[in-house]
Protein backbone atom coordinates (compact mmCIF):
# COMPACT_ATOMS: atom_id res chain seq x y z
CA UNK A 1 -30.15 28.75 13.55
CA UNK A 2 -26.58 28.09 12.40
CA UNK A 3 -24.95 24.67 12.13
CA UNK A 4 -21.17 24.54 12.14
CA UNK A 5 -18.85 21.58 11.72
CA UNK A 6 -15.21 20.71 11.36
CA UNK A 7 -13.34 20.16 8.15
CA UNK A 8 -12.94 16.44 7.39
CA UNK A 9 -9.54 15.24 6.29
CA UNK A 10 -8.24 11.69 6.22
CA UNK A 11 -4.63 12.84 6.23
CA UNK A 12 -3.81 14.07 9.71
CA UNK A 13 -0.12 13.18 9.64
CA UNK A 14 2.76 12.92 7.21
CA UNK A 15 2.66 9.74 5.16
CA UNK A 16 5.76 7.53 5.25
CA UNK A 17 7.80 7.77 2.06
CA UNK A 18 10.39 5.45 0.55
CA UNK A 19 13.41 6.44 -1.51
CA UNK A 20 12.75 8.01 -4.89
CA UNK A 21 13.69 6.12 -8.08
CA UNK A 22 13.29 2.55 -6.78
CA UNK A 23 12.44 -0.21 -9.26
CA UNK A 24 10.76 -3.59 -8.86
CA UNK A 25 12.97 -6.29 -7.32
CA UNK A 26 11.96 -8.89 -9.96
CA UNK A 27 14.86 -9.55 -12.36
CA UNK A 28 14.14 -7.91 -15.72
CA UNK A 29 11.26 -5.74 -14.47
CA UNK A 30 11.86 -2.02 -14.91
CA UNK A 31 8.66 -0.78 -13.24
CA UNK A 32 9.35 2.26 -11.05
CA UNK A 33 7.82 1.99 -7.59
CA UNK A 34 5.86 4.80 -5.98
CA UNK A 35 7.49 6.59 -3.06
CA UNK A 36 4.41 5.54 -1.05
CA UNK A 37 4.86 1.83 -1.91
CA UNK A 38 6.96 0.30 0.86
CA UNK A 39 7.09 -3.11 -0.84
CA UNK A 40 10.04 -4.48 -2.80
CA UNK A 41 7.98 -5.54 -5.83
CA UNK A 42 5.45 -3.93 -8.17
CA UNK A 43 1.82 -5.07 -8.10
CA UNK A 44 2.43 -7.54 -10.91
CA UNK A 45 5.30 -9.33 -9.14
CA UNK A 46 4.26 -9.00 -5.49
CA UNK A 47 3.78 -12.34 -3.74
CA UNK A 48 0.14 -13.39 -3.54
CA UNK A 49 -1.36 -13.06 -0.07
CA UNK A 50 -4.64 -14.79 0.72
CA UNK A 51 -6.32 -13.28 3.76
CA UNK A 52 -7.63 -15.66 6.40
CA UNK A 53 -11.37 -15.24 6.66
CA UNK A 54 -12.59 -15.19 10.25
CA UNK A 55 -14.18 -18.49 11.23
CA UNK A 56 -12.85 -20.40 8.23
CA UNK A 57 -9.89 -22.74 8.39
CA UNK A 58 -7.93 -22.88 5.15
CA UNK A 59 -5.96 -25.94 4.07
CA UNK A 60 -2.22 -25.43 3.78
């Protein structure tokens, strides 16, 4: 008996890429951003985002 499967790959399409050589938008920060990072800021200066948990109402 022979079992055969398909090759698993999570990348089935081309990933979007940003321009090469971009730096963080924070004044004075010289961190180079990855071509796969679509954001304007590096991880240190990115605005904090708190996800809304389903079923919980958060105070503003």
